């Protein structure tokens, strides 16, 4: 897999970043995909509006589309190299907010 083809951007627009988190907006029209991107940190996403999302692996394998409901929250722990494309497999626009958790614990 060519490294130039893999983006570090996990959303369509970076909304906020500090030393603890990065917050992305991800908006996709029906049939639109993100292109291959890499998750290097644990992350969660919050679905805004019902929709259907499909993961496509770097080798082109398409995972079964997931029907997601408005307000659903999904957490993903990233163990190794997490590269994929997200495709809007539904008939309406897809939107979610992605929150990447940066390394380091908060001093308490």
N, C-alpha and C. Protein backbone atom coordinates (compact mmCIF):
# COMPACT_ATOMS: atom_id res chain seq x y z
N UNK A 1 0.84 -1.18 0.00
CA UNK A 1 0.00 0.00 0.00
C UNK A 1 0.88 1.24 0.00
N UNK A 2 0.59 2.15 -0.89
CA UNK A 2 1.36 3.39 -1.00
C UNK A 2 1.02 4.33 0.15
N UNK A 3 2.03 4.79 0.86
CA UNK A 3 1.82 5.69 1.99
C UNK A 3 1.25 7.03 1.56
N UNK A 4 1.54 7.47 0.29
CA UNK A 4 1.01 8.75 -0.17
C UNK A 4 -0.50 8.73 -0.27
N UNK A 5 -1.10 7.58 -0.46
CA UNK A 5 -2.54 7.45 -0.63
C UNK A 5 -3.28 7.47 0.70
N UNK A 6 -2.60 7.35 1.81
CA UNK A 6 -3.25 7.24 3.12
C UNK A 6 -3.16 8.57 3.85
N UNK A 7 -4.32 9.14 4.15
CA UNK A 7 -4.39 10.45 4.80
C UNK A 7 -4.38 10.30 6.33
N UNK A 8 -3.90 11.32 7.01
CA UNK A 8 -3.99 11.39 8.47
C UNK A 8 -5.29 12.08 8.90
N UNK A 9 -6.01 12.66 7.94
CA UNK A 9 -7.27 13.33 8.23
C UNK A 9 -8.38 12.29 8.35
N UNK A 10 -9.00 12.20 9.52
CA UNK A 10 -10.04 11.20 9.76
C UNK A 10 -11.44 11.79 9.63
N UNK A 11 -11.53 13.02 9.18
CA UNK A 11 -12.81 13.68 8.95
C UNK A 11 -12.68 14.64 7.79
N UNK A 12 -13.77 15.32 7.47
CA UNK A 12 -13.73 16.26 6.37
C UNK A 12 -13.35 17.66 6.82
N UNK A 13 -13.48 17.95 8.12
CA UNK A 13 -13.10 19.27 8.63
C UNK A 13 -12.65 19.14 10.09
N UNK A 14 -11.46 19.64 10.40
CA UNK A 14 -10.99 19.66 11.78
C UNK A 14 -11.68 20.82 12.50
N UNK A 15 -12.42 20.49 13.57
CA UNK A 15 -13.18 21.49 14.31
C UNK A 15 -12.44 22.04 15.51
N UNK A 16 -11.61 21.20 16.15
CA UNK A 16 -10.97 21.59 17.41
C UNK A 16 -9.80 20.67 17.67
N UNK A 17 -8.73 21.24 18.25
CA UNK A 17 -7.60 20.42 18.68
C UNK A 17 -6.92 21.08 19.86
N UNK A 18 -6.58 20.25 20.85
CA UNK A 18 -5.74 20.69 21.95
C UNK A 18 -4.78 19.55 22.28
N UNK A 19 -4.14 19.59 23.44
CA UNK A 19 -3.16 18.56 23.77
C UNK A 19 -3.80 17.23 24.14
N UNK A 20 -5.13 17.17 24.27
CA UNK A 20 -5.81 15.93 24.67
C UNK A 20 -6.67 15.29 23.60
N UNK A 21 -7.28 16.11 22.72
CA UNK A 21 -8.20 15.57 21.72
C UNK A 21 -8.09 16.32 20.39
N UNK A 22 -8.55 15.65 19.34
CA UNK A 22 -8.81 16.27 18.04
C UNK A 22 -10.27 15.95 17.73
N UNK A 23 -11.03 16.95 17.30
CA UNK A 23 -12.45 16.76 16.99
C UNK A 23 -12.68 17.08 15.53
N UNK A 24 -13.25 16.12 14.81
CA UNK A 24 -13.48 16.23 13.37
C UNK A 24 -14.97 16.16 13.05
N UNK A 25 -15.38 16.88 12.03
CA UNK A 25 -16.69 16.72 11.43
C UNK A 25 -16.48 15.84 10.21
N UNK A 26 -17.36 14.86 10.01
CA UNK A 26 -17.27 14.00 8.83
C UNK A 26 -18.62 14.03 8.12
N UNK A 27 -18.65 14.56 6.92
CA UNK A 27 -19.87 14.66 6.12
C UNK A 27 -19.62 13.98 4.78
N UNK A 28 -20.52 13.05 4.42
CA UNK A 28 -20.40 12.33 3.15
C UNK A 28 -21.75 12.28 2.46
N UNK A 29 -21.77 12.58 1.18
CA UNK A 29 -22.98 12.43 0.38
C UNK A 29 -23.17 10.95 0.04
N UNK A 30 -24.38 10.53 -0.35
CA UNK A 30 -24.60 9.13 -0.72
C UNK A 30 -23.57 8.66 -1.75
N UNK A 31 -22.94 7.53 -1.46
CA UNK A 31 -21.93 6.96 -2.35
C UNK A 31 -20.55 7.54 -2.18
N UNK A 32 -20.42 8.63 -1.46
CA UNK A 32 -19.12 9.28 -1.28
C UNK A 32 -18.30 8.57 -0.20
N UNK A 33 -16.98 8.54 -0.39
CA UNK A 33 -16.08 7.94 0.58
C UNK A 33 -15.03 8.93 1.06
N UNK A 34 -14.38 8.58 2.14
CA UNK A 34 -13.35 9.43 2.72
C UNK A 34 -12.02 9.30 2.02
N UNK A 35 -11.82 8.22 1.28
CA UNK A 35 -10.49 7.85 0.83
C UNK A 35 -9.81 7.13 1.99
N UNK A 36 -8.73 6.45 1.71
CA UNK A 36 -8.03 5.74 2.79
C UNK A 36 -7.47 6.73 3.80
N UNK A 37 -7.69 6.43 5.06
CA UNK A 37 -7.14 7.26 6.13
C UNK A 37 -6.68 6.36 7.27
N UNK A 38 -5.83 6.91 8.12
CA UNK A 38 -5.21 6.14 9.20
C UNK A 38 -5.64 6.69 10.55
N UNK A 39 -6.07 5.79 11.41
CA UNK A 39 -6.31 6.13 12.82
C UNK A 39 -5.09 5.66 13.61
N UNK A 40 -4.46 6.57 14.31
CA UNK A 40 -3.30 6.22 15.13
C UNK A 40 -3.62 6.27 16.62
N UNK A 41 -4.74 6.83 16.97
CA UNK A 41 -5.15 6.99 18.37
C UNK A 41 -6.54 6.39 18.54
N UNK A 42 -6.85 5.96 19.77
CA UNK A 42 -8.21 5.55 20.07
C UNK A 42 -9.14 6.70 19.73
N UNK A 43 -10.36 6.36 19.33
CA UNK A 43 -11.30 7.40 18.93
C UNK A 43 -12.73 6.95 19.18
N UNK A 44 -13.62 7.90 19.15
CA UNK A 44 -15.05 7.60 19.18
C UNK A 44 -15.73 8.50 18.17
N UNK A 45 -16.91 8.05 17.74
CA UNK A 45 -17.68 8.93 16.87
C UNK A 45 -19.14 8.92 17.29
N UNK A 46 -19.78 10.06 17.07
CA UNK A 46 -21.18 10.27 17.41
C UNK A 46 -21.93 10.51 16.10
N UNK A 47 -22.93 9.67 15.86
CA UNK A 47 -23.71 9.75 14.62
C UNK A 47 -24.72 10.90 14.73
N UNK A 48 -24.80 11.70 13.68
CA UNK A 48 -25.77 12.80 13.62
C UNK A 48 -26.73 12.48 12.47
N UNK A 49 -27.92 12.03 12.81
CA UNK A 49 -28.90 11.60 11.81
C UNK A 49 -28.70 10.13 11.47
N UNK A 50 -29.77 9.45 11.13
CA UNK A 50 -29.68 8.05 10.75
C UNK A 50 -28.90 7.92 9.45
N UNK A 51 -28.28 6.77 9.25
CA UNK A 51 -27.54 6.56 8.01
C UNK A 51 -26.93 5.17 7.93
N UNK A 52 -26.24 4.92 6.84
CA UNK A 52 -25.61 3.63 6.58
C UNK A 52 -24.15 3.87 6.23
N UNK A 53 -23.26 3.29 7.00
CA UNK A 53 -21.83 3.47 6.79
C UNK A 53 -21.18 2.12 6.49
N UNK A 54 -20.24 2.13 5.57
CA UNK A 54 -19.53 0.90 5.20
C UNK A 54 -18.03 1.14 5.26
N UNK A 55 -17.30 0.19 5.87
CA UNK A 55 -15.85 0.24 5.90
C UNK A 55 -15.29 -0.51 4.71
N UNK A 56 -14.27 0.08 4.09
CA UNK A 56 -13.56 -0.57 2.99
C UNK A 56 -12.10 -0.67 3.41
N UNK A 57 -11.58 -1.89 3.41
CA UNK A 57 -10.19 -2.12 3.80
C UNK A 57 -9.24 -1.75 2.67
N UNK A 58 -7.95 -1.55 2.97
CA UNK A 58 -6.97 -1.15 1.94
C UNK A 58 -6.91 -2.09 0.74
N UNK A 59 -7.24 -3.38 0.94
CA UNK A 59 -7.20 -4.33 -0.19
C UNK A 59 -8.49 -4.31 -1.00
N UNK A 60 -9.44 -3.41 -0.63
CA UNK A 60 -10.70 -3.29 -1.37
C UNK A 60 -11.85 -4.09 -0.79
N UNK A 61 -11.57 -4.90 0.24
CA UNK A 61 -12.63 -5.67 0.87
C UNK A 61 -13.65 -4.74 1.51
N UNK A 62 -14.92 -4.96 1.18
CA UNK A 62 -16.00 -4.16 1.74
C UNK A 62 -16.68 -4.93 2.86
N UNK A 63 -16.72 -4.32 4.04
CA UNK A 63 -17.37 -4.93 5.20
C UNK A 63 -18.87 -4.64 5.08
N UNK A 64 -19.68 -5.51 5.65
CA UNK A 64 -21.14 -5.33 5.61
C UNK A 64 -21.51 -3.93 6.11
N UNK A 65 -22.34 -3.20 5.35
CA UNK A 65 -22.75 -1.86 5.79
C UNK A 65 -23.47 -1.90 7.14
N UNK A 66 -23.26 -0.84 7.94
CA UNK A 66 -23.90 -0.74 9.25
C UNK A 66 -24.97 0.33 9.21
N UNK A 67 -26.17 -0.03 9.62
CA UNK A 67 -27.25 0.94 9.77
C UNK A 67 -27.07 1.58 11.14
N UNK A 68 -26.90 2.88 11.16
CA UNK A 68 -26.62 3.61 12.39
C UNK A 68 -27.76 4.58 12.68
N UNK A 69 -28.09 4.71 13.97
CA UNK A 69 -29.16 5.62 14.36
C UNK A 69 -28.59 6.92 14.92
N UNK A 70 -29.35 7.98 14.75
CA UNK A 70 -29.00 9.28 15.28
C UNK A 70 -28.65 9.17 16.76
N UNK A 71 -27.53 9.74 17.16
CA UNK A 71 -27.11 9.74 18.55
C UNK A 71 -26.27 8.55 18.97
N UNK A 72 -26.11 7.55 18.09
CA UNK A 72 -25.29 6.39 18.44
C UNK A 72 -23.85 6.84 18.67
N UNK A 73 -23.20 6.24 19.66
CA UNK A 73 -21.81 6.54 19.97
C UNK A 73 -21.02 5.24 19.84
N UNK A 74 -19.95 5.27 19.07
CA UNK A 74 -19.11 4.08 18.84
C UNK A 74 -17.69 4.41 19.26
N UNK A 75 -17.10 3.55 20.13
CA UNK A 75 -15.72 3.72 20.57
C UNK A 75 -14.86 2.66 19.89
N UNK A 76 -13.70 3.05 19.40
CA UNK A 76 -12.75 2.12 18.78
C UNK A 76 -11.38 2.28 19.43
N UNK A 77 -10.87 1.19 19.99
CA UNK A 77 -9.50 1.15 20.50
C UNK A 77 -8.60 0.78 19.33
N UNK A 78 -7.55 1.54 19.11
CA UNK A 78 -6.64 1.31 18.00
C UNK A 78 -5.42 0.58 18.53
N UNK A 79 -5.29 -0.69 18.14
CA UNK A 79 -4.18 -1.52 18.60
C UNK A 79 -2.95 -1.37 17.72
N UNK A 80 -3.15 -1.49 16.43
CA UNK A 80 -2.07 -1.43 15.47
C UNK A 80 -2.39 -0.39 14.41
N UNK A 81 -1.92 -0.65 13.22
CA UNK A 81 -2.19 0.22 12.09
C UNK A 81 -3.66 0.06 11.71
N UNK A 82 -4.43 1.11 11.80
CA UNK A 82 -5.86 1.09 11.49
C UNK A 82 -6.10 1.97 10.27
N UNK A 83 -6.07 1.33 9.09
CA UNK A 83 -6.25 2.05 7.83
C UNK A 83 -7.52 1.52 7.17
N UNK A 84 -8.38 2.42 6.73
CA UNK A 84 -9.59 2.04 6.02
C UNK A 84 -10.19 3.27 5.34
N UNK A 85 -11.24 3.03 4.59
CA UNK A 85 -12.04 4.10 4.01
C UNK A 85 -13.44 3.93 4.56
N UNK A 86 -14.13 5.03 4.83
CA UNK A 86 -15.53 5.00 5.22
C UNK A 86 -16.34 5.49 4.03
N UNK A 87 -17.41 4.74 3.69
CA UNK A 87 -18.25 5.08 2.54
C UNK A 87 -19.69 5.22 3.02
N UNK A 88 -20.35 6.27 2.58
CA UNK A 88 -21.77 6.43 2.85
C UNK A 88 -22.52 5.48 1.92
N UNK A 89 -23.02 4.37 2.46
CA UNK A 89 -23.72 3.36 1.67
C UNK A 89 -25.23 3.59 1.70
N UNK A 90 -25.66 4.72 2.25
CA UNK A 90 -27.08 5.01 2.34
C UNK A 90 -27.56 5.93 1.23
N UNK A 91 -28.82 6.32 1.34
CA UNK A 91 -29.44 7.17 0.33
C UNK A 91 -29.57 8.62 0.78
N UNK A 92 -29.10 8.91 1.99
CA UNK A 92 -29.15 10.27 2.52
C UNK A 92 -27.75 10.67 2.96
N UNK A 93 -27.49 11.96 3.14
CA UNK A 93 -26.16 12.38 3.60
C UNK A 93 -25.81 11.74 4.96
N UNK A 94 -24.52 11.44 5.13
CA UNK A 94 -23.99 10.87 6.38
C UNK A 94 -23.24 11.97 7.11
N UNK A 95 -23.42 12.00 8.44
CA UNK A 95 -22.62 12.94 9.23
C UNK A 95 -22.33 12.32 10.58
N UNK A 96 -21.10 12.49 11.04
CA UNK A 96 -20.75 12.16 12.41
C UNK A 96 -19.64 13.08 12.89
N UNK A 97 -19.44 13.08 14.18
CA UNK A 97 -18.36 13.81 14.81
C UNK A 97 -17.38 12.77 15.33
N UNK A 98 -16.12 12.90 14.95
CA UNK A 98 -15.07 11.97 15.36
C UNK A 98 -14.20 12.67 16.41
N UNK A 99 -13.97 11.99 17.53
CA UNK A 99 -13.11 12.53 18.58
C UNK A 99 -11.94 11.58 18.74
N UNK A 100 -10.75 12.06 18.38
CA UNK A 100 -9.51 11.29 18.56
C UNK A 100 -8.94 11.61 19.93
N UNK A 101 -8.60 10.58 20.68
CA UNK A 101 -8.03 10.75 22.02
C UNK A 101 -6.51 10.68 21.91
N UNK A 102 -5.83 11.73 22.29
CA UNK A 102 -4.37 11.75 22.22
C UNK A 102 -3.77 11.01 23.41
N UNK A 103 -2.51 10.61 23.26
CA UNK A 103 -1.80 9.91 24.34
C UNK A 103 -1.64 10.81 25.56
N UNK A 104 -1.40 10.18 26.69
CA UNK A 104 -1.13 10.91 27.91
C UNK A 104 -2.35 10.99 28.80
N UNK A 105 -2.12 10.87 30.07
CA UNK A 105 -3.19 10.97 31.04
C UNK A 105 -3.20 12.35 31.64
N UNK A 106 -4.35 12.78 31.96
CA UNK A 106 -4.51 14.09 32.59
C UNK A 106 -3.97 14.03 34.01
N UNK A 107 -3.21 15.04 34.38
CA UNK A 107 -2.74 15.12 35.76
C UNK A 107 -3.91 15.48 36.65
N UNK A 108 -4.08 14.71 37.70
CA UNK A 108 -5.21 14.98 38.60
C UNK A 108 -4.72 15.32 39.98
